[in-house]
Amino acid sequence: MLALLRSPDGCTIDAIVKATGWQPHSVRGFFAGVVRKKLKLDLESGLVDEVRRYRIKPAAHEIGKSATAA
């Protein structure tokens, strides 16, 4: 699930529901309780083509790694 959220385009709740078999409200609870509060990751959401997508913003030190690794 975190890999889906770390992809550059992020993912939708529907994609995580299909991957996990969870209910949408459970996915949103996971975002709030685990991703944001427990793991303290910066989860952002936005509308892309009228569909809400979620993604974990990479940390500043991770941005430099991807540029140098390529």
PDB file of N, CA and C in Angstrom:
ATOM      1  N   MET A   1       0.823  -1.175   0.000  1.00  0.00           N
ATOM      2  CA  MET A   1       0.000   0.000   0.000  1.00  0.00           C
ATOM      3  C   MET A   1       0.877   1.251   0.000  1.00  0.00           C
ATOM      4  N   LEU A   2       1.922   1.260   0.783  1.00  0.00           N
ATOM      5  CA  LEU A   2       2.811   2.424   0.818  1.00  0.00           C
ATOM      6  C   LEU A   2       3.515   2.612  -0.520  1.00  0.00           C
ATOM      7  N   ALA A   3       3.808   1.522  -1.207  1.00  0.00           N
ATOM      8  CA  ALA A   3       4.435   1.638  -2.527  1.00  0.00           C
ATOM      9  C   ALA A   3       3.495   2.332  -3.502  1.00  0.00           C
ATOM     10  N   LEU A   4       2.212   2.019  -3.442  1.00  0.00           N
ATOM     11  CA  LEU A   4       1.230   2.702  -4.292  1.00  0.00           C
ATOM     12  C   LEU A   4       1.205   4.193  -3.975  1.00  0.00           C
ATOM     13  N   LEU A   5       1.246   4.516  -2.698  1.00  0.00           N
ATOM     14  CA  LEU A   5       1.191   5.915  -2.285  1.00  0.00           C
ATOM     15  C   LEU A   5       2.477   6.661  -2.602  1.00  0.00           C
ATOM     16  N   ARG A   6       3.586   5.950  -2.733  1.00  0.00           N
ATOM     17  CA  ARG A   6       4.864   6.605  -3.023  1.00  0.00           C
ATOM     18  C   ARG A   6       5.111   6.769  -4.523  1.00  0.00           C
ATOM     19  N   SER A   7       4.275   6.196  -5.364  1.00  0.00           N
ATOM     20  CA  SER A   7       4.466   6.352  -6.803  1.00  0.00           C
ATOM     21  C   SER A   7       4.275   7.821  -7.174  1.00  0.00           C
ATOM     22  N   PRO A   8       4.949   8.288  -8.220  1.00  0.00           N
ATOM     23  CA  PRO A   8       4.881   9.713  -8.577  1.00  0.00           C
ATOM     24  C   PRO A   8       3.453  10.225  -8.813  1.00  0.00           C
ATOM     25  N   ASP A   9       2.600   9.388  -9.365  1.00  0.00           N
ATOM     26  CA  ASP A   9       1.217   9.802  -9.624  1.00  0.00           C
ATOM     27  C   ASP A   9       0.302   9.521  -8.452  1.00  0.00           C
ATOM     28  N   GLY A  10       0.791   8.827  -7.445  1.00  0.00           N
ATOM     29  CA  GLY A  10      -0.043   8.457  -6.312  1.00  0.00           C
ATOM     30  C   GLY A  10      -1.057   7.395  -6.714  1.00  0.00           C
ATOM     31  N   CYS A  11      -2.153   7.308  -5.966  1.00  0.00           N
ATOM     32  CA  CYS A  11      -3.179   6.321  -6.282  1.00  0.00           C
ATOM     33  C   CYS A  11      -4.521   6.792  -5.732  1.00  0.00           C
ATOM     34  N   THR A  12      -5.554   6.098  -6.141  1.00  0.00           N
ATOM     35  CA  THR A  12      -6.894   6.416  -5.671  1.00  0.00           C
ATOM     36  C   THR A  12      -7.276   5.462  -4.547  1.00  0.00           C
ATOM     37  N   ILE A  13      -8.312   5.826  -3.818  1.00  0.00           N
ATOM     38  CA  ILE A  13      -8.827   4.929  -2.784  1.00  0.00           C
ATOM     39  C   ILE A  13      -9.329   3.642  -3.435  1.00  0.00           C
ATOM     40  N   ASP A  14      -9.941   3.758  -4.612  1.00  0.00           N
ATOM     41  CA  ASP A  14     -10.424   2.563  -5.315  1.00  0.00           C
ATOM     42  C   ASP A  14      -9.295   1.584  -5.623  1.00  0.00           C
ATOM     43  N   ALA A  15      -8.128   2.099  -5.995  1.00  0.00           N
ATOM     44  CA  ALA A  15      -6.982   1.228  -6.281  1.00  0.00           C
ATOM     45  C   ALA A  15      -6.547   0.477  -5.028  1.00  0.00           C
ATOM     46  N   ILE A  16      -6.556   1.146  -3.888  1.00  0.00           N
ATOM     47  CA  ILE A  16      -6.159   0.487  -2.639  1.00  0.00           C
ATOM     48  C   ILE A  16      -7.231  -0.496  -2.191  1.00  0.00           C
ATOM     49  N   VAL A  17      -8.500  -0.156  -2.410  1.00  0.00           N
ATOM     50  CA  VAL A  17      -9.594  -1.082  -2.088  1.00  0.00           C
ATOM     51  C   VAL A  17      -9.415  -2.370  -2.885  1.00  0.00           C
ATOM     52  N   LYS A  18      -9.100  -2.252  -4.174  1.00  0.00           N
ATOM     53  CA  LYS A  18      -8.898  -3.440  -5.015  1.00  0.00           C
ATOM     54  C   LYS A  18      -7.679  -4.243  -4.579  1.00  0.00           C
ATOM     55  N   ALA A  19      -6.620  -3.541  -4.171  1.00  0.00           N
ATOM     56  CA  ALA A  19      -5.385  -4.218  -3.775  1.00  0.00           C
ATOM     57  C   ALA A  19      -5.503  -4.921  -2.426  1.00  0.00           C
ATOM     58  N   THR A  20      -6.301  -4.356  -1.513  1.00  0.00           N
ATOM     59  CA  THR A  20      -6.357  -4.889  -0.155  1.00  0.00           C
ATOM     60  C   THR A  20      -7.645  -5.624   0.175  1.00  0.00           C
ATOM     61  N   GLY A  21      -8.738  -5.303  -0.528  1.00  0.00           N
ATOM     62  CA  GLY A  21     -10.028  -5.874  -0.190  1.00  0.00           C
ATOM     63  C   GLY A  21     -10.717  -5.138   0.957  1.00  0.00           C
ATOM     64  N   TRP A  22     -10.122  -4.020   1.389  1.00  0.00           N
ATOM     65  CA  TRP A  22     -10.688  -3.235   2.479  1.00  0.00           C
ATOM     66  C   TRP A  22     -11.857  -2.396   1.974  1.00  0.00           C
ATOM     67  N   GLN A  23     -12.640  -1.892   2.908  1.00  0.00           N
ATOM     68  CA  GLN A  23     -13.695  -0.938   2.599  1.00  0.00           C
ATOM     69  C   GLN A  23     -13.066   0.460   2.479  1.00  0.00           C
ATOM     70  N   PRO A  24     -13.684   1.339   1.674  1.00  0.00           N
ATOM     71  CA  PRO A  24     -13.111   2.685   1.517  1.00  0.00           C
ATOM     72  C   PRO A  24     -12.918   3.438   2.839  1.00  0.00           C
ATOM     73  N   HIS A  25     -13.844   3.291   3.775  1.00  0.00           N
ATOM     74  CA  HIS A  25     -13.686   3.994   5.049  1.00  0.00           C
ATOM     75  C   HIS A  25     -12.498   3.453   5.843  1.00  0.00           C
ATOM     76  N   SER A  26     -12.165   2.170   5.661  1.00  0.00           N
ATOM     77  CA  SER A  26     -10.990   1.598   6.331  1.00  0.00           C
ATOM     78  C   SER A  26      -9.700   2.157   5.731  1.00  0.00           C
ATOM     79  N   VAL A  27      -9.694   2.358   4.427  1.00  0.00           N
ATOM     80  CA  VAL A  27      -8.529   2.939   3.766  1.00  0.00           C
ATOM     81  C   VAL A  27      -8.304   4.365   4.266  1.00  0.00           C
ATOM     82  N   ARG A  28      -9.369   5.148   4.344  1.00  0.00           N
ATOM     83  CA  ARG A  28      -9.237   6.521   4.835  1.00  0.00           C
ATOM     84  C   ARG A  28      -8.765   6.534   6.294  1.00  0.00           C
ATOM     85  N   GLY A  29      -9.239   5.589   7.088  1.00  0.00           N
ATOM     86  CA  GLY A  29      -8.788   5.476   8.473  1.00  0.00           C
ATOM     87  C   GLY A  29      -7.315   5.117   8.553  1.00  0.00           C
ATOM     88  N   PHE A  30      -6.864   4.245   7.661  1.00  0.00           N
ATOM     89  CA  PHE A  30      -5.450   3.885   7.589  1.00  0.00           C
ATOM     90  C   PHE A  30      -4.615   5.110   7.239  1.00  0.00           C
ATOM     91  N   PHE A  31      -5.098   5.916   6.291  1.00  0.00           N
ATOM     92  CA  PHE A  31      -4.389   7.141   5.920  1.00  0.00           C
ATOM     93  C   PHE A  31      -4.214   8.038   7.133  1.00  0.00           C
ATOM     94  N   ALA A  32      -5.288   8.263   7.862  1.00  0.00           N
ATOM     95  CA  ALA A  32      -5.248   9.188   8.999  1.00  0.00           C
ATOM     96  C   ALA A  32      -4.476   8.611  10.182  1.00  0.00           C
ATOM     97  N   GLY A  33      -4.778   7.373  10.541  1.00  0.00           N
ATOM     98  CA  GLY A  33      -4.206   6.799  11.754  1.00  0.00           C
ATOM     99  C   GLY A  33      -2.798   6.290  11.614  1.00  0.00           C
ATOM    100  N   VAL A  34      -2.500   5.647  10.511  1.00  0.00           N
ATOM    101  CA  VAL A  34      -1.174   5.034  10.349  1.00  0.00           C
ATOM    102  C   VAL A  34      -0.241   5.922   9.536  1.00  0.00           C
ATOM    103  N   VAL A  35      -0.662   6.276   8.335  1.00  0.00           N
ATOM    104  CA  VAL A  35       0.238   7.023   7.455  1.00  0.00           C
ATOM    105  C   VAL A  35       0.569   8.391   8.041  1.00  0.00           C
ATOM    106  N   ARG A  36      -0.462   9.133   8.447  1.00  0.00           N
ATOM    107  CA  ARG A  36      -0.212  10.497   8.932  1.00  0.00           C
ATOM    108  C   ARG A  36       0.235  10.536  10.384  1.00  0.00           C
ATOM    109  N   LYS A  37      -0.492   9.862  11.272  1.00  0.00           N
ATOM    110  CA  LYS A  37      -0.204   9.994  12.702  1.00  0.00           C
ATOM    111  C   LYS A  37       0.938   9.102  13.180  1.00  0.00           C
ATOM    112  N   LYS A  38       0.893   7.822  12.856  1.00  0.00           N
ATOM    113  CA  LYS A  38       1.900   6.899  13.380  1.00  0.00           C
ATOM    114  C   LYS A  38       3.229   7.003  12.624  1.00  0.00           C
ATOM    115  N   LEU A  39       3.170   6.959  11.288  1.00  0.00           N
ATOM    116  CA  LEU A  39       4.391   7.015  10.490  1.00  0.00           C
ATOM    117  C   LEU A  39       4.862   8.445  10.237  1.00  0.00           C
ATOM    118  N   LYS A  40       3.994   9.415  10.501  1.00  0.00           N
ATOM    119  CA  LYS A  40       4.305  10.838  10.328  1.00  0.00           C
ATOM    120  C   LYS A  40       4.774  11.157   8.913  1.00  0.00           C
ATOM    121  N   LEU A  41       4.117  10.549   7.923  1.00  0.00           N
ATOM    122  CA  LEU A  41       4.438  10.820   6.528  1.00  0.00           C
ATOM    123  C   LEU A  41       3.539  11.940   6.015  1.00  0.00           C
ATOM    124  N   ASP A  42       4.044  12.696   5.077  1.00  0.00           N
ATOM    125  CA  ASP A  42       3.299  13.821   4.514  1.00  0.00           C
ATOM    126  C   ASP A  42       2.441  13.307   3.361  1.00  0.00           C
ATOM    127  N   LEU A  43       1.178  13.042   3.653  1.00  0.00           N
ATOM    128  CA  LEU A  43       0.244  12.520   2.654  1.00  0.00           C
ATOM    129  C   LEU A  43      -0.529  13.681   2.063  1.00  0.00           C
ATOM    130  N   GLU A  44      -0.453  13.815   0.750  1.00  0.00           N
ATOM    131  CA  GLU A  44      -1.189  14.885   0.097  1.00  0.00           C
ATOM    132  C   GLU A  44      -2.244  14.287  -0.819  1.00  0.00           C
ATOM    133  N   SER A  45      -3.276  15.061  -1.062  1.00  0.00           N
ATOM    134  CA  SER A  45      -4.324  14.612  -1.971  1.00  0.00           C
ATOM    135  C   SER A  45      -4.693  15.755  -2.891  1.00  0.00           C
ATOM    136  N   GLY A  46      -5.178  15.390  -4.053  1.00  0.00           N
ATOM    137  CA  GLY A  46      -5.602  16.397  -5.009  1.00  0.00           C
ATOM    138  C   GLY A  46      -6.459  15.763  -6.087  1.00  0.00           C
ATOM    139  N   LEU A  47      -7.213  16.616  -6.765  1.00  0.00           N
ATOM    140  CA  LEU A  47      -8.057  16.134  -7.848  1.00  0.00           C
ATOM    141  C   LEU A  47      -7.267  16.134  -9.148  1.00  0.00           C
ATOM    142  N   VAL A  48      -7.275  14.991  -9.821  1.00  0.00           N
ATOM    143  CA  VAL A  48      -6.657  14.849 -11.133  1.00  0.00           C
ATOM    144  C   VAL A  48      -7.741  14.286 -12.044  1.00  0.00           C
ATOM    145  N   ASP A  49      -8.138  15.065 -13.024  1.00  0.00           N
ATOM    146  CA  ASP A  49      -9.228  14.667 -13.919  1.00  0.00           C
ATOM    147  C   ASP A  49     -10.468  14.273 -13.133  1.00  0.00           C
ATOM    148  N   GLU A  50     -10.807  15.080 -12.135  1.00  0.00           N
ATOM    149  CA  GLU A  50     -11.992  14.901 -11.293  1.00  0.00           C
ATOM    150  C   GLU A  50     -11.963  13.631 -10.437  1.00  0.00           C
ATOM    151  N   VAL A  51     -10.781  13.053 -10.262  1.00  0.00           N
ATOM    152  CA  VAL A  51     -10.608  11.878  -9.407  1.00  0.00           C
ATOM    153  C   VAL A  51      -9.587  12.236  -8.335  1.00  0.00           C
ATOM    154  N   ARG A  52      -9.920  11.988  -7.071  1.00  0.00           N
ATOM    155  CA  ARG A  52      -9.000  12.301  -5.976  1.00  0.00           C
ATOM    156  C   ARG A  52      -7.896  11.260  -5.912  1.00  0.00           C
ATOM    157  N   ARG A  53      -6.655  11.759  -5.916  1.00  0.00           N
ATOM    158  CA  ARG A  53      -5.482  10.893  -5.832  1.00  0.00           C
ATOM    159  C   ARG A  53      -4.689  11.267  -4.590  1.00  0.00           C
ATOM    160  N   TYR A  54      -4.098  10.262  -3.961  1.00  0.00           N
ATOM    161  CA  TYR A  54      -3.312  10.431  -2.747  1.00  0.00           C
ATOM    162  C   TYR A  54      -1.892   9.997  -3.032  1.00  0.00           C
ATOM    163  N   ARG A  55      -0.945  10.715  -2.431  1.00  0.00           N
ATOM    164  CA  ARG A  55       0.452  10.291  -2.548  1.00  0.00           C
ATOM    165  C   ARG A  55       1.235  10.811  -1.359  1.00  0.00           C
ATOM    166  N   ILE A  56       2.294  10.072  -1.036  1.00  0.00           N
ATOM    167  CA  ILE A  56       3.203  10.482   0.021  1.00  0.00           C
ATOM    168  C   ILE A  56       4.258  11.365  -0.628  1.00  0.00           C
ATOM    169  N   LYS A  57       4.363  12.594  -0.121  1.00  0.00           N
ATOM    170  CA  LYS A  57       5.375  13.494  -0.655  1.00  0.00           C
ATOM    171  C   LYS A  57       6.751  12.986  -0.249  1.00  0.00           C
ATOM    172  N   PRO A  58       7.685  12.908  -1.197  1.00  0.00           N
ATOM    173  CA  PRO A  58       9.031  12.451  -0.839  1.00  0.00           C
ATOM    174  C   PRO A  58       9.722  13.477   0.045  1.00  0.00           C
ATOM    175  N   ALA A  59      10.531  12.989   0.954  1.00  0.00           N
ATOM    176  CA  ALA A  59      11.311  13.872   1.820  1.00  0.00           C
ATOM    177  C   ALA A  59      12.369  14.572   0.971  1.00  0.00           C
ATOM    178  N   ALA A  60      12.860  15.684   1.444  1.00  0.00           N
ATOM    179  CA  ALA A  60      13.834  16.471   0.681  1.00  0.00           C
ATOM    180  C   ALA A  60      15.070  15.650   0.320  1.00  0.00           C
ATOM    181  N   HIS A  61      15.539  14.801   1.241  1.00  0.00           N
ATOM    182  CA  HIS A  61      16.729  13.998   0.947  1.00  0.00           C
ATOM    183  C   HIS A  61      16.436  12.892  -0.063  1.00  0.00           C
ATOM    184  N   GLU A  62      15.180  12.461  -0.194  1.00  0.00           N
ATOM    185  CA  GLU A  62      14.819  11.432  -1.172  1.00  0.00           C
ATOM    186  C   GLU A  62      14.756  11.998  -2.577  1.00  0.00           C
ATOM    187  N   ILE A  63      14.437  13.275  -2.716  1.00  0.00           N
ATOM    188  CA  ILE A  63      14.363  13.895  -4.032  1.00  0.00           C
ATOM    189  C   ILE A  63      15.737  13.895  -4.683  1.00  0.00           C
ATOM    190  N   GLY A  64      16.753  14.212  -3.930  1.00  0.00           N
ATOM    191  CA  GLY A  64      18.112  14.217  -4.463  1.00  0.00           C
ATOM    192  C   GLY A  64      18.592  12.832  -4.849  1.00  0.00           C
ATOM    193  N   LYS A  65      18.186  11.805  -4.109  1.00  0.00           N
ATOM    194  CA  LYS A  65      18.599  10.429  -4.402  1.00  0.00           C
ATOM    195  C   LYS A  65      18.098   9.979  -5.760  1.00  0.00           C
ATOM    196  N   SER A  66      16.843  10.289  -6.092  1.00  0.00           N
ATOM    197  CA  SER A  66      16.282   9.817  -7.345  1.00  0.00           C
ATOM    198  C   SER A  66      16.978  10.482  -8.534  1.00  0.00           C
ATOM    199  N   ALA A  67      17.400  11.731  -8.371  1.00  0.00           N
ATOM    200  CA  ALA A  67      18.079  12.438  -9.461  1.00  0.00           C
ATOM    201  C   ALA A  67      19.487  11.882  -9.666  1.00  0.00           C
ATOM    202  N   THR A  68      20.174  11.527  -8.585  1.00  0.00           N
ATOM    203  CA  THR A  68      21.543  11.035  -8.706  1.00  0.00           C
ATOM    204  C   THR A  68      21.582   9.561  -9.083  1.00  0.00           C
ATOM    205  N   ALA A  69      20.528   8.826  -8.761  1.00  0.00           N
ATOM    206  CA  ALA A  69      20.506   7.394  -9.072  1.00  0.00           C
ATOM    207  C   ALA A  69      20.276   7.150 -10.551  1.00  0.00           C
ATOM    208  N   ALA A  70      19.667   8.091 -11.242  1.00  0.00           N
ATOM    209  CA  ALA A  70      19.320   7.900 -12.664  1.00  0.00           C
ATOM    210  C   ALA A  70      20.471   8.147 -13.551  1.00  0.00           C
TER     211      ALA A  70
END
